[in-house]
Amino acid sequence: MFLALSSFQNFKVFQMDVKSAFLNGDLEEEVYIEQPDGFILGNDPNLVCRLKKALYGLKQAPRAWYYRLDKYLHQQGFSKGSADSNLYIKVENDKLLILVVYVDDIIFGSNEEAMSQSFASVMQKEFEMSLLGELTYFLGLQIQQKKGGILLSQTKYLKQILKKYGMEDAKPVCTPMVTGCSLSANDESAAVHQPTYRSMIGSLLYLTGTRPDIMHAVGIVGRFQANPKETHLQAVKRIFKYLQGTQNYGLWYPRDTDLTLHAYVDADWAGSMDDRKSTSGGAFFMGPRLVSWFSKKQSSIALSTAEAEYVAAASCCTQLLWMMQTLQDFQITCTPPIPILCDNTSEISISKNLVMHSKTKHIPIKYHFLREQVLEQKVKLEYVPSKEQVADIFTKPLPRDTFEYLRQK
């Protein structure tokens, strides 16, 4: 979301790293250590030392560092995000500085570059820092800040895993999963090496950070890690073959476009062959920028398509509310109700009808949270034709033409 906002605000994003970050933390608890060899005080080896500063290896060290940084940032006039405790915002007149903290890595940007430079200077005075310049690589993500927008990709990582699993010369395919593919845990094909299978799934899951087009396929094959079979492995290899032909794909956040928050949600009713549970899928946009997505099997069996999609919409609603709050922290006001686009009219009717009848009275109460949000006009469910339903890509294997059309959206 920060990078999407940066493209909208035309921020230039920078990165810094705190050297030996955990050693900066102040301990509040009483922690004692034995005297180091060669530094025995008063020739009494039974004496112990009380720690005042955190050390690497202490359970308290990460939290102590966070509190130390948090205290200093508040002293510098920053306020913490109400929806994300790793987000900090500083506003001076019309100037805005935003930073995001990930342990000892800090990325930051401002609509006034001098404000960014001033922040970097005060941080270097307080902590031993490495100022890494413009953000180009963060947590395995490649970030290209261009004149027209920001591009996020994992091309370098993708090439590494293709080589690791011997798929760098594989023949590319057009979709990550065969249309109509139905995998089952009861498959009778030969068992395969479980650690290798799990390693492949883990590598693909990390790649979904910038490749939402493989999210559903990875989620499906990830269900069989306990006892993978040859059929499951072939499905995993097909994902790698698809990636082989799309190595340079990523997320594009254009500048000079709107920031309107909206979401698409869909469900594949009874899609699991093993337990007949449905799969929820959702995509969240800030203008044309895809910033969040999910593909997840539902926890209970739905009795109808409408129920499956209603449950998916309730899950989507919680994420939307969090995003609304985060945007408020970014000094961006969202005008409710926020649209949730779905392709099932019965789902829309259920969200507006407060009467419990035979078709809905069994639905778990937690999902009726959606009704409350619709009633309070924080969100609204709107119909979208199935051919324009972006969330379809997160719920089921699609034909090539449909898949490529939704992917480019």
Foldseek 3Di string as FASTA:
>chain_A
DVQLVCQALVWFKWKKFFPPLLQPFFDPDWDKDFDDPPDDPPPDRVDIDTDGGGDPPDPCRQVRSLVSVVVVVVVVAWDAFPLDRQWIWHDDPPKIKIWGDDRGMIMIIISDVVVVVVVVVVVVVVGPMDTPTTDQADPQWGWDQDPFFIWIANLVLLCVVCVVVVNLPPAADQALADAPDADALPDPAAWDDLVVLVVLLVSVVVRCQWPVLCQQLSQVLVVNSVTDHPVSVVSSSNNSSNCSVVSPDGWTNGYPFAQAKAKEKAKDQLRHPYQRFIWIKMFIGGGPGTDDIHIGTDPDHAPDRLLRRLLNVLVVVVVSVSVQSSVVVVVHHHDFDHEYEYADVSNQVVLQDPDDDPNHVPRDPSSNVSSVCVVVRNYHYDYDHPLQRLRVSRGGGDDSVSSVVSVVD
